[in-house]
Every structure is written in C-alpha cells, then in structure tokens.
Amino acid sequence: MRNIVVLDAPSNLGLRPPAPGTVPGCHKLAGALREQRIVQSLGAPPLS
C-alpha cells in the first residue's frame, strides 16, 4: 500500500509576473484545493 502525502508548493514558473503589489494566483491554489477537500479525496492522512 502506498502512502500519499500532499505538499503545498506553489510555483509561478512559466507564468507572467503578477502586477506590482498583487499576490500571484498560484499562491492561492493550495488553499483552494484544500477547501475542496483534495487531501481527503486522495486518502492522505491529516497532519498530526
């Protein structure tokens, strides 16, 4: 059986630079996926 681990590692590699003073959209991706319960859907254990 495989252990599944979910890492939050946003990267803007290959994307255009964001406008000055704004947060890149990729920075928000990990939180958006977690809000959609991606960790539970994959069957990864919660952080202890």
Protein backbone atom coordinates (compact mmCIF):
# COMPACT_ATOMS: atom_id res chain seq x y z
CA MET A 1 0.00 0.00 0.00
CA ARG A 2 1.30 3.46 -0.90
CA ASN A 3 1.42 6.39 1.49
CA ILE A 4 0.03 9.57 -0.03
CA VAL A 5 1.47 12.91 1.06
CA VAL A 6 0.15 16.27 -0.11
CA LEU A 7 2.63 19.16 -0.21
CA ASP A 8 1.77 22.81 -0.68
CA ALA A 9 4.41 24.10 -3.07
CA PRO A 10 3.05 26.93 -5.24
CA SER A 11 5.17 27.93 -8.20
CA ASN A 12 4.69 30.66 -10.77
CA LEU A 13 7.21 29.03 -13.08
CA GLY A 14 6.12 29.71 -16.65
CA LEU A 15 3.51 32.31 -15.70
CA ARG A 16 3.62 36.01 -16.40
CA PRO A 17 4.81 38.14 -13.47
CA PRO A 18 1.93 39.46 -11.36
CA ALA A 19 1.10 43.13 -11.27
CA PRO A 20 3.08 45.07 -8.65
CA GLY A 21 1.50 44.82 -5.20
CA THR A 22 -0.66 41.77 -6.01
CA VAL A 23 -0.47 38.15 -4.88
CA PRO A 24 0.08 35.65 -7.72
CA GLY A 25 -2.88 33.35 -8.35
CA CYS A 26 -0.69 30.27 -7.92
CA HIS A 27 -0.14 31.30 -4.28
CA LYS A 28 -3.85 30.75 -3.65
CA LEU A 29 -4.07 27.33 -5.36
CA ALA A 30 -3.10 25.13 -2.40
CA GLY A 31 -5.72 26.71 -0.16
CA ALA A 32 -8.38 26.48 -2.86
CA LEU A 33 -7.67 22.77 -3.38
CA ARG A 34 -7.74 22.08 0.35
CA GLU A 35 -11.08 23.90 0.63
CA GLN A 36 -12.38 21.45 -1.97
CA ARG A 37 -11.17 18.58 0.28
CA ILE A 38 -8.50 17.31 -2.14
CA VAL A 39 -6.49 15.76 0.72
CA GLN A 40 -9.45 13.69 1.91
CA SER A 41 -10.35 12.74 -1.68
CA LEU A 42 -6.85 11.36 -2.22
CA GLY A 43 -6.98 9.45 1.05
CA ALA A 44 -3.95 11.20 2.56
CA PRO A 45 -3.78 11.18 6.35
CA PRO A 46 -4.35 14.52 8.13
CA LEU A 47 -1.41 16.34 9.68
CA SER A 48 -0.87 15.43 13.30
